[in-house]
Protein backbone atom coordinates (compact mmCIF):
# COMPACT_ATOMS: atom_id res chain seq x y z
CA MET A 1 0.00 0.00 0.00
CA GLU A 2 1.32 3.41 -0.87
CA LEU A 3 1.89 5.99 1.82
CA ASP A 4 -0.65 8.45 0.35
CA ALA A 5 -3.37 5.79 0.35
CA ALA A 6 -2.60 4.88 3.97
CA LYS A 7 -2.81 8.55 4.95
CA ALA A 8 -6.18 8.92 3.24
CA ILE A 9 -7.53 5.82 4.98
CA GLY A 10 -6.23 7.07 8.33
CA ALA A 11 -7.85 10.47 7.79
CA GLY A 12 -11.16 8.75 7.02
CA LEU A 13 -10.90 6.63 10.14
CA ALA A 14 -10.12 9.71 12.24
CA THR A 15 -13.43 11.26 11.21
CA ILE A 16 -15.40 8.32 12.67
CA ALA A 17 -15.24 10.22 15.98
CA LEU A 18 -17.62 12.78 14.48
CA ALA A 19 -20.47 10.27 14.65
CA GLY A 20 -19.93 9.92 18.39
CA VAL A 21 -19.84 13.67 18.75
CA GLY A 22 -23.19 13.96 16.99
CA VAL A 23 -24.74 11.42 19.33
CA GLY A 24 -23.21 13.16 22.35
CA LEU A 25 -24.50 16.57 21.35
CA GLY A 26 -27.95 15.13 20.77
CA ASN A 27 -27.90 13.61 24.25
CA ILE A 28 -26.72 16.84 25.87
CA PHE A 29 -29.32 19.11 24.30
CA GLY A 30 -32.11 16.53 24.48
CA SER A 31 -31.53 15.98 28.17
CA PHE A 32 -31.37 19.70 28.83
CA LEU A 33 -34.62 20.29 26.97
CA ASN A 34 -36.31 17.42 28.78
CA GLY A 35 -35.16 18.72 32.15
CA ALA A 36 -36.05 22.31 31.34
CA LEU A 37 -39.58 21.33 30.33
CA ARG A 38 -40.06 19.29 33.48
CA ASN A 39 -38.66 21.95 35.83
CA PRO A 40 -38.38 25.39 34.18
CA SER A 41 -37.06 27.06 37.34
CA ALA A 42 -33.97 24.81 37.33
CA ALA A 43 -33.09 25.47 33.68
CA PRO A 44 -30.91 28.57 34.33
CA LYS A 45 -28.97 26.69 36.99
CA VAL A 46 -27.93 23.85 34.70
CA PHE A 47 -27.41 25.96 31.57
CA GLY A 48 -23.74 26.56 32.41
CA ASN A 49 -23.11 22.85 32.89
CA MET A 50 -24.81 22.16 29.58
CA MET A 51 -22.58 24.65 27.81
CA LEU A 52 -19.49 23.11 29.41
CA GLY A 53 -20.58 19.69 28.19
CA PHE A 54 -21.22 21.12 24.74
CA ALA A 55 -17.76 22.71 24.60
CA LEU A 56 -15.97 19.57 25.74
CA THR A 57 -17.90 17.37 23.31
CA GLU A 58 -17.29 19.77 20.45
CA SER A 59 -13.57 19.84 21.25
CA VAL A 60 -13.43 16.10 20.51
CA ALA A 61 -14.78 16.86 17.03
CA LEU A 62 -12.21 19.59 16.49
CA PHE A 63 -9.38 17.30 17.59
CA ALA A 64 -10.60 14.55 15.25
CA LEU A 65 -10.74 16.97 12.33
CA LEU A 66 -7.29 18.29 13.20
CA ILE A 67 -5.85 14.79 13.12
CA ALA A 68 -7.64 14.06 9.84
CA PHE A 69 -6.25 17.21 8.23
CA LEU A 70 -2.76 16.45 9.50
CA LEU A 71 -2.93 12.99 7.97
CA LEU A 72 -4.17 14.09 4.56
CA PRO A 73 -1.59 14.02 1.82
CA LEU A 74 -0.49 17.43 0.62
């Protein structure tokens, strides 16, 4: 296998993490919406935690894309 082909396959495999990020973001926002509809007075208290979870989950996507772009042949 040539080196360029291996790099392209590795970059494709690195983007598999984006599927997990999509599921994680859906869980975060779905749970927040469910909790906010059940107890609207608690929604402002957990909004900061939700945003922290969003930022940490999104950082996994950015790291995966960074690795994929570093692996791509120039």
